[in-house]
């Protein structure tokens, strides 16, 4: 087998990428990742240098890693700004670094993409190639982000520093409808959620648009909501308009839009992506809405949960952050990343920090689990303790 680097995903034939296993996540599809690169969203001009690693046996792709050389830490959601600041104090270059993952996407998924006939030997060959690539581009380290728990334990056993963080995910044990889900809450909380939804329904009609139903006009409206949120909070609008057009053209079947309609006017929207088994919340925005309108909770929590129940999906991941999600039925869930820092003077304090941080994250998860309604934990087999780390 031969390792090759690819400075664009299009250097890998789409049919070969499709032969890799574990591509259930829509964000790992060839079409989605190609759109990120071709649209200029994940491009050298924005500090993302594609340098994907492929493991080839003749003309057959046996495994791949989505790799980017980074000139900054923006758009990753595994926050290492303090590490970069520590490197600066030590007068050690922190950039470029190598990042393995999907740009702008804090969604757990496999990072070592292997053909069905491949196994741990091919995974190790990819990891060796990744370290060789780090040396070749003189990167400060390697960061495997939002990998699976299985991958995290394997990479830790091979010398990586295992970092964890919390997200809040909704899990469906088989609810028949939203009312059955709501019955899991204590009376006071049920009344509060009903009151929030009632206030929205008095002023707006919630519309769900799926796949081929979505029109170009609705896409344009959702892009406008995305831009408005970025401008409101001074955030970098990572995704170019070309990106939105490309995913509309090539990934429309995976898109799910939720709109708050005031008559014929779209006042707010949330942008979601679905796989066969899960729904993922990605972006939200509004124009001229009162912060106390509860439209955000409706479009980003309740309506997607209700739709996911109706569709028989296993769960809903609404995105990064937001402890307010806990009181709305979302479970504190561990996400994983693994890191190698080349400079030992920097790697040692980072390793100590990550160990201490991990203890705090697991304590926080346990604390939050204990405060969840028991009826939300028991059907899922959840206990107020952390997974093996």
Protein backbone atom coordinates (compact mmCIF):
# COMPACT_ATOMS: atom_id res chain seq x y z
CA UNK A 1 0.00 0.00 0.00
CA UNK A 2 1.07 3.56 -0.72
CA UNK A 3 0.29 6.76 1.20
CA UNK A 4 -0.49 9.84 -0.86
CA UNK A 5 -1.39 13.42 0.03
CA UNK A 6 -4.12 15.26 -1.86
CA UNK A 7 -4.35 19.06 -1.91
CA UNK A 8 -8.02 18.89 -2.89
CA UNK A 9 -10.70 16.34 -2.25
CA UNK A 10 -11.32 16.26 -6.00
CA UNK A 11 -7.93 14.59 -6.43
CA UNK A 12 -9.64 11.51 -4.98
CA UNK A 13 -12.23 9.94 -7.32
CA UNK A 14 -15.69 10.25 -5.81
CA UNK A 15 -16.44 6.59 -6.46
CA UNK A 16 -13.36 5.61 -4.43
CA UNK A 17 -14.37 7.87 -1.53
CA UNK A 18 -17.80 6.22 -1.59
CA UNK A 19 -16.20 2.78 -1.05
CA UNK A 20 -14.97 3.84 2.41
CA UNK A 21 -17.05 2.61 5.31
CA UNK A 22 -18.48 4.59 8.25
CA UNK A 23 -19.71 7.47 6.10
CA UNK A 24 -23.15 7.66 7.73
CA UNK A 25 -22.55 11.30 8.72
CA UNK A 26 -23.76 13.64 5.95
CA UNK A 27 -20.81 15.90 6.75
CA UNK A 28 -18.35 13.22 5.65
CA UNK A 29 -19.99 12.78 2.28
CA UNK A 30 -17.91 13.61 -0.76
CA UNK A 31 -20.47 16.20 -1.88
CA UNK A 32 -20.48 18.09 1.44
CA UNK A 33 -16.70 18.21 1.84
CA UNK A 34 -16.18 19.09 -1.82
CA UNK A 35 -18.65 21.97 -1.42
CA UNK A 36 -16.66 23.29 1.56
CA UNK A 37 -13.49 23.41 -0.52
CA UNK A 38 -14.86 24.45 -3.91
CA UNK A 39 -16.91 27.30 -2.43
CA UNK A 40 -13.87 28.90 -0.82
CA UNK A 41 -15.21 28.27 2.70
CA UNK A 42 -12.45 25.83 3.69
CA UNK A 43 -9.72 27.20 1.48
CA UNK A 44 -6.15 28.55 1.78
CA UNK A 45 -7.54 32.09 1.52
CA UNK A 46 -9.40 31.42 4.80
CA UNK A 47 -6.51 29.64 6.49
CA UNK A 48 -7.59 26.07 5.66
CA UNK A 49 -5.07 24.22 3.49
CA UNK A 50 -6.44 20.83 2.36
CA UNK A 51 -3.80 18.14 2.57
CA UNK A 52 -5.84 14.93 2.79
CA UNK A 53 -4.10 11.63 3.37
CA UNK A 54 -5.04 8.60 1.30
CA UNK A 55 -3.93 5.00 1.66
CA UNK A 56 -3.94 3.34 -1.74
CA UNK A 57 -3.55 -0.21 -3.00
CA UNK A 58 -3.09 0.32 -6.69
CA UNK A 59 -6.17 2.23 -7.84
CA UNK A 60 -8.21 1.25 -4.78
CA UNK A 61 -8.58 3.56 -1.79
CA UNK A 62 -8.13 1.53 1.42
CA UNK A 63 -8.40 4.43 3.85
CA UNK A 64 -8.34 8.19 4.17
CA UNK A 65 -7.97 11.03 6.66
CA UNK A 66 -9.56 14.47 6.04
CA UNK A 67 -6.59 16.69 6.95
CA UNK A 68 -6.09 20.45 6.87
CA UNK A 69 -3.04 22.53 7.67
CA UNK A 70 -4.27 25.50 9.70
CA UNK A 71 -2.89 29.02 10.07
CA UNK A 72 -5.29 29.81 12.95
CA UNK A 73 -7.75 28.08 15.32
CA UNK A 74 -11.01 29.55 14.09
CA UNK A 75 -13.91 27.38 12.98
CA UNK A 76 -12.79 24.26 14.88
CA UNK A 77 -14.83 24.25 18.15
CA UNK A 78 -12.09 22.40 20.05
CA UNK A 79 -10.75 25.51 21.68
CA UNK A 80 -6.97 25.76 21.95
CA UNK A 81 -6.47 29.53 22.10
CA UNK A 82 -4.80 29.18 25.51
CA UNK A 83 -2.39 26.65 24.05
CA UNK A 84 -1.43 29.04 21.27
CA UNK A 85 -0.93 31.81 23.87
CA UNK A 86 1.30 29.50 25.94
CA UNK A 87 3.35 28.71 22.85
CA UNK A 88 3.79 32.42 22.20
CA UNK A 89 5.06 32.95 25.76
CA UNK A 90 7.53 30.12 25.23
CA UNK A 91 8.46 31.62 21.84
CA UNK A 92 7.47 28.37 20.18
CA UNK A 93 5.58 28.52 16.84
CA UNK A 94 2.06 27.09 17.18
CA UNK A 95 0.99 27.54 13.57
CA UNK A 96 0.81 25.82 11.20
CA UNK A 97 -0.86 22.85 12.84
CA UNK A 98 -2.59 19.82 11.33
CA UNK A 99 -6.29 19.32 11.98
CA UNK A 100 -8.15 16.09 11.19
CA UNK A 101 -11.90 16.62 10.89
CA UNK A 102 -14.63 18.45 9.01
CA UNK A 103 -14.26 22.27 8.93
CA UNK A 104 -16.80 24.32 10.91
CA UNK A 105 -18.58 21.16 12.07
CA UNK A 106 -18.63 20.20 15.77
CA UNK A 107 -20.22 16.82 15.07
CA UNK A 108 -18.77 13.51 16.29
CA UNK A 109 -17.92 11.03 13.57
CA UNK A 110 -15.19 8.66 12.42
CA UNK A 111 -12.00 10.33 11.31
CA UNK A 112 -10.09 7.24 10.16
CA UNK A 113 -12.19 6.37 7.12
CA UNK A 114 -11.45 2.79 6.16
CA UNK A 115 -12.61 0.46 3.41
CA UNK A 116 -14.67 -2.49 4.70
CA UNK A 117 -11.71 -4.81 4.16
CA UNK A 118 -9.35 -2.57 6.18
CA UNK A 119 -8.67 -2.64 9.91
CA UNK A 120 -6.28 -1.55 12.65
CA UNK A 121 -3.21 -2.12 10.47
CA UNK A 122 -4.48 0.40 7.90
CA UNK A 123 -5.45 2.81 10.67
CA UNK A 124 -1.92 2.67 12.07
CA UNK A 125 -0.50 3.22 8.60
CA UNK A 126 -2.62 6.36 8.27
CA UNK A 127 -1.50 7.59 11.70
CA UNK A 128 2.16 7.01 10.78
CA UNK A 129 1.56 8.94 7.58
CA UNK A 130 -0.06 11.74 9.56
CA UNK A 131 3.01 12.13 11.76
CA UNK A 132 5.27 12.07 8.71
CA UNK A 133 3.09 14.73 7.15
CA UNK A 134 3.46 16.86 10.30
CA UNK A 135 7.24 16.68 9.95
CA UNK A 136 7.09 17.48 6.27
CA UNK A 137 5.08 20.68 6.70
CA UNK A 138 6.84 21.57 9.98
CA UNK A 139 3.56 21.73 11.90
CA UNK A 140 3.57 22.17 15.67
CA UNK A 141 1.20 19.27 16.25
CA UNK A 142 -1.67 17.06 15.15
CA UNK A 143 -5.27 17.51 16.36
CA UNK A 144 -7.87 14.79 15.66
CA UNK A 145 -11.16 16.54 16.42
CA UNK A 146 -14.63 15.15 17.26
CA UNK A 147 -13.50 11.57 16.69
CA UNK A 148 -15.41 8.58 17.99
CA UNK A 149 -14.81 7.27 21.52
CA UNK A 150 -13.33 4.09 20.04
CA UNK A 151 -10.85 6.09 17.98
CA UNK A 152 -9.99 8.28 20.97
CA UNK A 153 -9.02 5.29 23.12
CA UNK A 154 -6.94 3.76 20.32
CA UNK A 155 -5.13 7.04 19.63
CA UNK A 156 -4.54 7.60 23.35
CA UNK A 157 -2.94 4.15 23.59
CA UNK A 158 -0.64 5.23 20.74
CA UNK A 159 0.62 8.28 22.62
CA UNK A 160 -2.01 10.94 21.98
CA UNK A 161 -3.38 13.35 24.59
CA UNK A 162 -7.08 12.63 25.04
CA UNK A 163 -9.28 15.70 25.56
CA UNK A 164 -13.02 15.75 26.27
CA UNK A 165 -15.80 18.34 26.25
CA UNK A 166 -19.55 18.40 26.73
CA UNK A 167 -22.33 18.81 24.22
CA UNK A 168 -26.05 18.39 24.77
CA UNK A 169 -27.81 15.76 22.66
CA UNK A 170 -31.43 14.66 22.55
CA UNK A 171 -31.92 10.89 22.49
CA UNK A 172 -35.04 9.10 21.29
CA UNK A 173 -35.78 5.80 23.10
CA UNK A 174 -38.89 5.39 20.94
CA UNK A 175 -41.30 8.18 21.87
CA UNK A 176 -44.66 7.93 20.10
CA UNK A 177 -45.10 11.70 19.97
CA UNK A 178 -43.95 14.96 21.56
CA UNK A 179 -46.48 14.62 24.38
CA UNK A 180 -44.94 11.34 25.49
CA UNK A 181 -41.52 13.02 25.55
CA UNK A 182 -42.99 15.94 27.50
CA UNK A 183 -44.42 13.54 30.07
CA UNK A 184 -40.87 12.74 31.19
CA UNK A 185 -40.54 16.19 32.78
CA UNK A 186 -41.71 17.32 36.16
CA UNK A 187 -45.05 19.13 36.16
CA UNK A 188 -43.57 22.61 36.51
CA UNK A 189 -41.21 22.11 33.58
CA UNK A 190 -43.94 20.61 31.38
CA UNK A 191 -46.09 23.67 31.97
CA UNK A 192 -43.17 25.97 31.16
CA UNK A 193 -42.44 24.22 27.84
CA UNK A 194 -46.12 24.25 26.88
CA UNK A 195 -46.28 27.95 27.72
CA UNK A 196 -43.22 28.69 25.57
CA UNK A 197 -44.66 26.79 22.61
CA UNK A 198 -48.08 28.39 23.07
CA UNK A 199 -46.59 31.88 23.00
CA UNK A 200 -44.88 31.09 19.68
CA UNK A 201 -48.00 29.53 18.15
CA UNK A 202 -50.05 32.63 19.04
CA UNK A 203 -47.85 34.80 16.84
CA UNK A 204 -46.23 32.51 14.27
CA UNK A 205 -46.82 29.46 12.14
CA UNK A 206 -43.94 26.98 12.22
CA UNK A 207 -43.19 25.43 8.84
CA UNK A 208 -40.92 22.46 8.18
CA UNK A 209 -39.35 22.15 4.75
CA UNK A 210 -37.49 18.98 3.81
CA UNK A 211 -35.23 17.94 0.94
CA UNK A 212 -36.67 18.59 -2.50
CA UNK A 213 -39.49 20.70 -1.01
CA UNK A 214 -36.97 23.45 -0.22
CA UNK A 215 -37.04 26.22 -2.81
CA UNK A 216 -34.18 28.49 -3.85
CA UNK A 217 -36.09 31.38 -2.26
CA UNK A 218 -36.17 29.53 1.08
CA UNK A 219 -32.46 28.79 0.79
CA UNK A 220 -31.79 32.49 0.22
CA UNK A 221 -33.90 33.36 3.27
CA UNK A 222 -32.00 30.88 5.44
CA UNK A 223 -28.68 32.25 4.24
CA UNK A 224 -29.89 35.72 5.24
CA UNK A 225 -30.73 34.45 8.74
CA UNK A 226 -27.28 32.89 9.00
CA UNK A 227 -25.63 36.16 8.01
CA UNK A 228 -27.78 38.16 10.44
CA UNK A 229 -26.71 35.98 13.37
CA UNK A 230 -23.03 36.30 12.43
CA UNK A 231 -23.35 40.07 12.18
CA UNK A 232 -25.30 40.35 15.45
CA UNK A 233 -22.61 38.54 17.45
CA UNK A 234 -19.58 39.69 15.49
CA UNK A 235 -18.86 36.14 14.31
CA UNK A 236 -17.01 35.14 11.18
CA UNK A 237 -19.51 33.93 8.57
CA UNK A 238 -17.44 30.92 7.55
CA UNK A 239 -19.78 29.60 4.89
CA UNK A 240 -19.79 31.57 1.66
CA UNK A 241 -22.94 32.05 -0.38
CA UNK A 242 -21.38 29.70 -2.94
CA UNK A 243 -21.25 27.01 -0.25
CA UNK A 244 -24.97 27.34 0.39
CA UNK A 245 -25.68 27.07 -3.32
CA UNK A 246 -23.48 24.00 -3.67
CA UNK A 247 -25.07 22.08 -0.81
CA UNK A 248 -28.49 23.05 -2.18
CA UNK A 249 -27.48 21.58 -5.53
CA UNK A 250 -25.75 18.41 -4.28
CA UNK A 251 -26.99 17.72 -0.72
CA UNK A 252 -30.59 18.97 -0.74
CA UNK A 253 -32.01 15.58 0.28
CA UNK A 254 -30.19 15.93 3.62
CA UNK A 255 -31.50 19.43 4.43
CA UNK A 256 -34.31 20.21 6.88
CA UNK A 257 -35.41 23.84 7.40
CA UNK A 258 -37.64 25.16 10.19
CA UNK A 259 -39.25 28.59 9.67
CA UNK A 260 -41.31 30.89 11.90
CA UNK A 261 -43.84 32.51 9.59
CA UNK A 262 -45.71 35.73 10.34
CA UNK A 263 -48.28 35.63 7.59
CA UNK A 264 -46.25 35.25 4.41
CA UNK A 265 -43.08 36.68 6.00
CA UNK A 266 -40.28 34.46 7.31
CA UNK A 267 -39.19 36.00 10.58
CA UNK A 268 -36.74 33.29 11.71
CA UNK A 269 -35.27 30.01 10.58
CA UNK A 270 -33.09 27.11 11.70
CA UNK A 271 -30.92 25.09 9.34
CA UNK A 272 -30.65 21.36 10.06
CA UNK A 273 -29.08 18.39 8.31
CA UNK A 274 -30.26 14.82 8.64
CA UNK A 275 -28.68 11.42 8.27
CA UNK A 276 -30.58 8.16 8.11
CA UNK A 277 -30.77 8.02 11.91
CA UNK A 278 -30.06 11.48 13.32
CA UNK A 279 -30.82 15.17 12.94
CA UNK A 280 -28.15 17.85 13.33
CA UNK A 281 -28.82 21.50 14.09
CA UNK A 282 -26.30 23.82 12.49
CA UNK A 283 -27.43 27.47 12.11
CA UNK A 284 -30.21 29.76 13.21
CA UNK A 285 -31.19 33.39 12.69
CA UNK A 286 -34.01 35.89 12.93
CA UNK A 287 -34.93 39.40 11.85
CA UNK A 288 -36.59 41.90 14.20
CA UNK A 289 -37.70 39.43 16.86
CA UNK A 290 -37.99 40.13 20.57
CA UNK A 291 -35.45 38.08 22.57
CA UNK A 292 -38.29 36.91 24.81
CA UNK A 293 -40.36 35.51 21.95
CA UNK A 294 -39.20 31.89 22.55
CA UNK A 295 -38.90 31.43 18.77
CA UNK A 296 -35.29 30.29 19.20
CA UNK A 297 -36.32 27.45 21.52
CA UNK A 298 -39.13 26.44 19.18
CA UNK A 299 -37.05 26.33 15.99
CA UNK A 300 -33.84 24.99 17.55
CA UNK A 301 -35.25 22.57 20.16
CA UNK A 302 -38.94 21.70 20.20
CA UNK A 303 -39.90 21.63 16.51
CA UNK A 304 -36.81 19.57 15.52
CA UNK A 305 -37.46 17.12 18.38
CA UNK A 306 -41.10 16.78 17.33
CA UNK A 307 -40.08 16.22 13.71
CA UNK A 308 -37.38 13.71 14.69
CA UNK A 309 -39.94 11.72 16.71
CA UNK A 310 -42.32 11.72 13.78
CA UNK A 311 -39.56 10.52 11.45
CA UNK A 312 -38.40 7.81 13.88
CA UNK A 313 -34.87 9.20 14.20
CA UNK A 314 -32.58 8.05 17.02
CA UNK A 315 -31.53 11.49 18.13
CA UNK A 316 -30.96 15.19 17.56
CA UNK A 317 -27.67 17.05 18.03
CA UNK A 318 -28.44 20.78 18.18
CA UNK A 319 -24.86 22.03 17.99
CA UNK A 320 -22.19 23.39 20.28
CA UNK A 321 -22.75 24.85 23.74
CA UNK A 322 -25.89 25.97 25.49
CA UNK A 323 -26.56 24.63 29.00
CA UNK A 324 -30.16 25.87 28.57
CA UNK A 325 -30.66 22.72 26.47
CA UNK A 326 -30.44 20.57 29.60
CA UNK A 327 -33.77 21.84 30.92
CA UNK A 328 -35.33 21.02 27.54
CA UNK A 329 -34.51 17.34 27.56
CA UNK A 330 -31.00 17.23 26.12
CA UNK A 331 -28.43 14.92 27.71
CA UNK A 332 -24.87 16.03 28.60
CA UNK A 333 -22.74 13.98 26.20
CA UNK A 334 -18.97 13.54 26.05
CA UNK A 335 -17.17 14.50 22.82
CA UNK A 336 -13.60 13.44 22.14
CA UNK A 337 -10.46 14.81 20.54
CA UNK A 338 -6.84 13.60 20.56
CA UNK A 339 -3.74 15.77 20.26
CA UNK A 340 -0.02 15.46 19.70
CA UNK A 341 2.20 18.49 20.43
CA UNK A 342 5.74 18.17 19.12
CA UNK A 343 7.55 20.61 21.46
CA UNK A 344 7.94 18.84 24.83
CA UNK A 345 8.16 22.10 26.79
CA UNK A 346 4.69 22.90 25.48
CA UNK A 347 3.31 19.34 25.42
CA UNK A 348 3.92 18.63 29.11
CA UNK A 349 1.89 21.54 30.57
CA UNK A 350 -0.83 20.99 27.96
CA UNK A 351 -1.00 17.33 29.00
CA UNK A 352 -1.39 18.29 32.66
CA UNK A 353 -4.06 20.84 31.78
CA UNK A 354 -6.02 18.31 29.72
CA UNK A 355 -5.93 15.76 32.56
CA UNK A 356 -7.30 18.34 35.02
CA UNK A 357 -9.85 19.59 32.49
CA UNK A 358 -11.08 16.04 31.86
CA UNK A 359 -11.74 15.50 35.56
CA UNK A 360 -13.73 18.73 35.69
CA UNK A 361 -15.76 17.85 32.59
CA UNK A 362 -16.64 14.42 33.95
CA UNK A 363 -17.64 15.92 37.31
CA UNK A 364 -19.80 18.45 35.49
CA UNK A 365 -21.46 15.73 33.44
CA UNK A 366 -22.21 13.72 36.59
CA UNK A 367 -23.54 16.81 38.36
CA UNK A 368 -25.85 17.62 35.44
CA UNK A 369 -27.00 14.01 35.02
CA UNK A 370 -28.06 13.85 38.66
CA UNK A 371 -30.32 16.85 38.10
CA UNK A 372 -32.06 15.45 35.06
CA UNK A 373 -35.57 14.05 35.54
CA UNK A 374 -35.25 10.33 36.21
CA UNK A 375 -37.87 9.62 33.55
CA UNK A 376 -35.47 11.01 30.92
CA UNK A 377 -32.61 8.81 32.12
CA UNK A 378 -34.22 5.46 32.82
CA UNK A 379 -35.63 4.67 29.32
CA UNK A 380 -32.19 5.34 27.87
CA UNK A 381 -30.30 3.26 30.42
CA UNK A 382 -28.44 6.40 31.46
CA UNK A 383 -26.90 6.69 34.87
CA UNK A 384 -25.36 9.65 36.62
CA UNK A 385 -21.84 8.53 35.82
CA UNK A 386 -19.40 8.97 32.98
CA UNK A 387 -18.34 6.61 30.21
CA UNK A 388 -14.98 4.87 30.34
CA UNK A 389 -12.19 7.36 29.70
